[in-house]
Amino acid sequence: MLTYHASQKDHQPILSLTGVLTIYTVAQARQEIPARLAKRKAQVLDLSGIEELDTAGAQLLLWLKRDASSRGTELALAHHSPAVVEVLDLLRLTAAFGDTILLSPPSPSRSHHGS
C-alpha cells in the first residue's frame, strides 16, 4: 500500500510517500501523485517513507521527473530511503535523476578489545 502526506517546510509544499512503490501500486500512484502535486503546488517529493521500490516504481519516478520538466517545472526527489537508494544504485539511475542523495554516515563499529 502507498499513502500520501502533504506538508510544508520553509514555506515549500512537500508531498511525502509512505509504503511500497511497486508494480502493484504504480498504476494508482501514476494518477494520484501528479494530482496531489498539482493540488498542493508541490515540487518536492519526499521518499523517506518508501519501504520497497521495484523497476516499475523507478520508472514512475523517472516519468514524474520528465513530465514536470516537459511542463517547465522541476520536481525534486528528496530524503531517499535506503530502499530507493539501493534500487537506483542497482539500476545505475542515480545520476539520471539529478537529485542529491545524502546518505547518513555509517554508525561506528564497536571495537572489541581482548582482555
Protein backbone atom coordinates (compact mmCIF):
# COMPACT_ATOMS: atom_id res chain seq x y z
CA MET A 1 0.00 0.00 0.00
CA LEU A 2 1.15 3.55 -0.73
CA THR A 3 -0.01 6.54 1.29
CA TYR A 4 0.45 10.26 0.74
CA HIS A 5 1.00 13.11 3.17
CA ALA A 6 1.17 16.79 2.26
CA SER A 7 3.22 19.16 4.42
CA GLN A 8 5.37 22.27 4.22
CA LYS A 9 8.94 23.00 5.15
CA ASP A 10 10.26 26.56 4.91
CA HIS A 11 7.09 27.53 3.00
CA GLN A 12 7.85 24.81 0.42
CA PRO A 13 4.99 22.36 -0.19
CA ILE A 14 6.11 18.74 0.06
CA LEU A 15 4.35 15.51 -0.85
CA SER A 16 5.60 12.56 1.20
CA LEU A 17 5.14 8.96 0.09
CA THR A 18 4.99 6.09 2.55
CA GLY A 19 4.84 2.38 1.81
CA VAL A 20 5.64 0.46 -1.34
CA LEU A 21 6.08 1.84 -4.84
CA THR A 22 5.99 -1.32 -6.89
CA ILE A 23 4.19 -2.81 -9.86
CA TYR A 24 1.21 -3.39 -7.54
CA THR A 25 0.81 0.29 -6.61
CA VAL A 26 2.31 2.19 -9.55
CA ALA A 27 -0.87 2.37 -11.69
CA GLN A 28 -2.79 4.17 -8.95
CA ALA A 29 0.28 6.23 -7.97
CA ARG A 30 0.63 7.45 -11.56
CA GLN A 31 -2.79 9.04 -11.21
CA GLU A 32 -2.56 10.13 -7.57
CA ILE A 33 0.91 11.66 -7.38
CA PRO A 34 0.58 14.21 -10.22
CA ALA A 35 -2.88 15.21 -9.00
CA ARG A 36 -1.70 15.68 -5.42
CA LEU A 37 1.42 17.57 -6.52
CA ALA A 38 -0.71 19.93 -8.63
CA LYS A 39 -3.27 20.44 -5.88
CA ARG A 40 -0.61 21.48 -3.37
CA LYS A 41 1.64 23.12 -5.95
CA ALA A 42 4.35 20.87 -4.51
CA GLN A 43 7.63 20.48 -6.32
CA VAL A 44 9.27 18.22 -3.75
CA LEU A 45 8.58 14.50 -3.41
CA ASP A 46 9.81 13.11 -0.08
CA LEU A 47 10.82 9.47 -0.49
CA SER A 48 11.94 8.79 3.09
CA GLY A 49 8.93 6.57 3.77
CA ILE A 50 9.36 4.27 0.77
CA GLU A 51 9.91 0.79 2.15
CA GLU A 52 10.09 -1.04 -1.17
CA LEU A 53 10.78 0.09 -4.74
CA ASP A 54 10.97 -2.02 -7.88
CA THR A 55 11.68 -1.21 -11.51
CA ALA A 56 8.07 -0.13 -12.10
CA GLY A 57 8.41 2.34 -9.22
CA ALA A 58 11.73 3.59 -10.58
CA GLN A 59 10.13 4.08 -13.99
CA LEU A 60 7.33 6.10 -12.39
CA LEU A 61 9.85 8.34 -10.63
CA LEU A 62 11.65 8.89 -13.93
CA TRP A 63 8.35 9.69 -15.65
CA LEU A 64 7.36 12.15 -12.89
CA LYS A 65 10.68 14.00 -13.25
CA ARG A 66 10.46 14.13 -17.05
CA ASP A 67 6.78 15.10 -17.02
CA ALA A 68 7.50 18.01 -14.67
CA SER A 69 10.39 19.10 -16.87
CA SER A 70 8.25 18.97 -20.01
CA ARG A 71 5.75 21.29 -18.28
CA GLY A 72 8.54 23.75 -17.45
CA THR A 73 8.76 22.91 -13.76
CA GLU A 74 11.20 20.91 -11.72
CA LEU A 75 10.31 18.08 -9.37
CA ALA A 76 12.88 17.42 -6.67
CA LEU A 77 13.17 13.99 -5.11
CA ALA A 78 14.28 14.31 -1.50
CA HIS A 79 15.14 12.21 1.54
CA HIS A 80 15.68 9.00 -0.41
CA SER A 81 15.03 5.95 1.75
CA PRO A 82 17.58 3.11 1.82
CA ALA A 83 15.23 1.07 -0.42
CA VAL A 84 15.15 3.85 -3.01
CA VAL A 85 18.91 4.35 -2.93
CA GLU A 86 19.51 0.62 -3.30
CA VAL A 87 17.32 0.30 -6.41
CA LEU A 88 18.57 3.49 -8.06
CA ASP A 89 22.14 2.39 -7.44
CA LEU A 90 21.47 -1.14 -8.71
CA LEU A 91 19.89 0.25 -11.89
CA ARG A 92 22.61 2.91 -12.19
CA LEU A 93 19.95 5.62 -12.30
CA THR A 94 21.25 7.88 -9.55
CA ALA A 95 22.74 10.39 -11.97
CA ALA A 96 19.70 10.25 -14.29
CA PHE A 97 17.55 11.88 -11.62
CA GLY A 98 19.98 14.69 -10.89
CA ASP A 99 18.91 14.95 -7.24
CA THR A 100 21.38 14.99 -4.40
CA ILE A 101 21.25 11.79 -2.40
CA LEU A 102 22.53 12.19 1.10
CA LEU A 103 23.30 9.03 2.96
CA SER A 104 23.57 9.05 6.68
CA PRO A 105 27.08 8.16 7.79
CA PRO A 106 27.58 4.56 8.86
CA SER A 107 27.37 4.01 12.57
CA PRO A 108 30.77 3.50 14.17
CA SER A 109 31.52 -0.16 14.59
CA ARG A 110 32.18 -1.36 18.05
CA SER A 111 35.75 -2.05 18.91
CA HIS A 112 36.32 -5.36 20.53
CA HIS A 113 39.36 -5.33 22.74
CA GLY A 114 40.71 -8.53 24.17
CA SER A 115 41.13 -8.63 27.93
